[in-house]
Amino acid sequence: MKKQDLLDQLQNGYNRDFAYFMPFVFDAENVYRRDGVTIAIEQVKGDDGGKTICGIDKASHPHFDFDNVTPQAVCDTYFKEWQEEGIDALESPFKFCYFDCAVNAGSGRAKKIMAKTGKDATAFLAERDAFYRRLALAKAVDRKFLNGWLQRIANLRTFLHL
């Protein structure tokens, strides 16, 4: 499976905001094989999620079929989460900040940050940044992820023009 396969799948019945934002998620989440094109399944030591593809991890998605991954399965999984989180009811650009946090740090963390900051996108991203810094200080095993987490937030700010 290639990124273009995922982008093509987004044109098949998903709503406009979801189709707009998922390329950002795929850029942040996809890991590629040596050819630089084919998406790889990864399993990073110290990552509690376990086996992961396109950001979909075994711990959070125990019924996902990692042996038969298709673009539709990936997009449908994310779209189900989009719907369950009620993303369409949120305003832009906050909806994208919230969903990206739910993808990367979990729905529970996204809800906690929203409870603390409200629905202000800039405040939300600042608190998300602070959360990752606290996490890396508290858990040595997570320190290796800090630069990537912070870069993702910086990229999201750029993507959303914040």
Protein backbone atom coordinates (compact mmCIF):
# COMPACT_ATOMS: atom_id res chain seq x y z
CA MET A 1 0.00 0.00 0.00
CA LYS A 2 1.20 3.46 -0.91
CA LYS A 3 0.24 6.94 0.29
CA GLN A 4 -1.43 7.61 -3.06
CA ASP A 5 -3.70 4.61 -2.45
CA LEU A 6 -4.86 6.26 0.78
CA LEU A 7 -5.36 9.62 -0.93
CA ASP A 8 -7.37 7.95 -3.69
CA GLN A 9 -9.53 6.20 -1.08
CA LEU A 10 -10.36 9.54 0.56
CA GLN A 11 -12.32 10.45 -2.58
CA ASN A 12 -14.79 7.61 -1.91
CA GLY A 13 -17.62 8.86 0.28
CA TYR A 14 -15.89 10.60 3.18
CA ASN A 15 -16.84 14.13 4.08
CA ARG A 16 -14.89 17.16 2.87
CA ASP A 17 -13.18 18.10 6.18
CA PHE A 18 -12.08 14.53 6.82
CA ALA A 19 -10.70 14.19 3.28
CA TYR A 20 -8.95 17.57 3.68
CA PHE A 21 -7.24 16.69 6.95
CA MET A 22 -6.26 13.05 6.55
CA PRO A 23 -3.28 13.75 4.26
CA PHE A 24 -1.78 15.66 7.20
CA VAL A 25 -2.36 12.66 9.48
CA PHE A 26 -0.87 10.29 6.92
CA ASP A 27 2.20 12.51 6.53
CA ALA A 28 2.66 12.46 10.30
CA GLU A 29 1.90 8.78 10.84
CA ASN A 30 3.13 6.84 7.83
CA VAL A 31 6.48 5.08 7.93
CA TYR A 32 7.86 3.88 4.62
CA ARG A 33 9.95 0.95 3.50
CA ARG A 34 13.35 1.56 1.94
CA ASP A 35 11.75 2.32 -1.41
CA GLY A 36 10.31 5.50 0.16
CA VAL A 37 6.88 4.77 -1.30
CA THR A 38 5.44 1.61 0.27
CA ILE A 39 3.97 2.07 3.75
CA ALA A 40 5.49 -0.23 6.35
CA ILE A 41 4.11 -1.89 9.43
CA GLU A 42 6.26 -0.83 12.35
CA GLN A 43 6.81 -1.87 15.93
CA VAL A 44 8.95 0.59 17.87
CA LYS A 45 10.58 -0.58 21.09
CA GLY A 46 9.10 1.35 23.99
CA ASP A 47 5.91 2.28 22.12
CA ASP A 48 2.97 0.87 24.08
CA GLY A 49 0.85 0.76 20.92
CA GLY A 50 2.71 -2.23 19.53
CA LYS A 51 2.33 -3.14 15.86
CA THR A 52 1.32 0.00 13.93
CA ILE A 53 0.48 0.99 10.36
CA CYS A 54 -0.59 4.48 9.24
CA GLY A 55 -0.86 5.39 12.93
CA ILE A 56 -3.33 2.59 13.68
CA ASP A 57 -1.85 0.60 16.55
CA LYS A 58 -2.68 -2.86 17.83
CA ALA A 59 -3.24 -1.71 21.42
CA SER A 60 -5.94 0.78 20.47
CA HIS A 61 -7.34 -1.25 17.56
CA PRO A 62 -7.16 -4.92 18.63
CA HIS A 63 -9.58 -6.05 15.89
CA PHE A 64 -7.82 -4.30 13.01
CA ASP A 65 -6.56 -6.85 10.47
CA PHE A 66 -2.84 -6.07 10.25
CA ASP A 67 -2.34 -9.04 7.92
CA ASN A 68 -4.67 -7.68 5.23
CA VAL A 69 -4.36 -3.89 5.39
CA THR A 70 -6.25 -1.99 2.71
CA PRO A 71 -6.64 1.74 2.07
CA GLN A 72 -10.37 1.39 2.76
CA ALA A 73 -9.73 -0.31 6.13
CA VAL A 74 -7.34 2.47 7.16
CA CYS A 75 -9.63 5.30 6.06
CA ASP A 76 -12.75 3.63 7.49
CA THR A 77 -11.01 3.16 10.85
CA TYR A 78 -10.08 6.83 11.03
CA PHE A 79 -13.48 7.97 9.77
CA LYS A 80 -15.24 5.91 12.44
CA GLU A 81 -13.08 7.65 15.07
CA TRP A 82 -13.81 11.02 13.46
CA GLN A 83 -17.52 10.33 13.79
CA GLU A 84 -17.29 8.90 17.32
CA GLU A 85 -15.43 12.02 18.46
CA GLY A 86 -18.08 14.28 16.92
CA ILE A 87 -15.48 16.19 14.92
CA ASP A 88 -17.99 17.58 12.43
CA ALA A 89 -19.74 19.45 15.25
CA LEU A 90 -16.53 21.32 16.13
CA GLU A 91 -15.40 24.55 14.49
CA SER A 92 -12.35 24.90 12.27
CA PRO A 93 -9.45 25.01 12.94
CA PHE A 94 -10.03 23.56 16.40
CA LYS A 95 -11.59 20.37 15.01
CA PHE A 96 -8.31 19.47 13.30
CA CYS A 97 -6.22 20.18 16.41
CA TYR A 98 -8.52 18.01 18.49
CA PHE A 99 -8.63 15.11 16.03
CA ASP A 100 -4.86 15.10 15.52
CA CYS A 101 -4.38 14.95 19.29
CA ALA A 102 -6.91 12.11 19.56
CA VAL A 103 -4.99 10.22 16.87
CA ASN A 104 -1.57 10.83 18.39
CA ALA A 105 -2.20 10.90 22.14
CA GLY A 106 -5.62 9.31 22.46
CA SER A 107 -9.17 10.53 22.77
CA GLY A 108 -8.95 10.76 26.55
CA ARG A 109 -5.96 13.09 26.37
CA ALA A 110 -7.65 15.25 23.72
CA LYS A 111 -10.70 15.60 25.98
CA LYS A 112 -8.52 16.53 28.97
CA ILE A 113 -6.69 19.20 27.01
CA MET A 114 -9.98 20.59 25.68
CA ALA A 115 -11.38 20.69 29.22
CA LYS A 116 -8.35 22.75 30.26
CA THR A 117 -8.16 25.10 27.25
CA GLY A 118 -11.62 25.22 25.79
CA LYS A 119 -11.96 25.15 22.03
CA ASP A 120 -9.23 27.69 21.30
CA ALA A 121 -6.87 26.06 18.78
CA THR A 122 -3.79 28.05 19.81
CA ALA A 123 -4.27 27.35 23.52
CA PHE A 124 -5.01 23.69 22.76
CA LEU A 125 -1.76 23.27 20.82
CA ALA A 126 0.23 25.07 23.53
CA GLU A 127 -1.17 22.72 26.18
CA ARG A 128 -0.54 19.70 23.97
CA ASP A 129 3.07 20.82 23.59
CA ALA A 130 3.36 21.21 27.38
CA PHE A 131 1.80 17.76 27.91
CA TYR A 132 4.39 16.09 25.68
CA ARG A 133 7.22 17.89 27.46
CA ARG A 134 5.89 16.77 30.86
CA LEU A 135 5.48 13.23 29.58
CA ALA A 136 9.05 13.08 28.28
CA LEU A 137 10.38 14.35 31.61
CA ALA A 138 8.32 11.83 33.57
CA LYS A 139 8.92 8.76 31.38
CA ALA A 140 12.45 8.21 30.13
CA VAL A 141 11.23 5.67 27.55
CA ASP A 142 9.17 8.42 25.87
CA ARG A 143 12.00 10.95 25.55
CA LYS A 144 12.97 9.58 22.16
CA PHE A 145 9.55 10.59 20.83
CA LEU A 146 9.60 14.21 22.09
CA ASN A 147 11.21 15.87 19.07
CA GLY A 148 8.79 14.11 16.73
CA TRP A 149 5.79 15.11 18.83
CA LEU A 150 6.90 18.75 18.95
CA GLN A 151 7.62 18.78 15.21
CA ARG A 152 4.16 17.39 14.55
CA ILE A 153 2.60 20.27 16.51
CA ALA A 154 4.77 22.77 14.63
CA ASN A 155 3.71 21.20 11.33
CA LEU A 156 0.07 21.36 12.39
CA ARG A 157 0.41 25.05 13.23
CA THR A 158 1.85 25.62 9.75
CA PHE A 159 -0.84 23.49 8.08
CA LEU A 160 -3.60 25.41 9.86
CA HIS A 161 -1.89 28.83 9.54
CA LEU A 162 -1.86 29.37 13.33
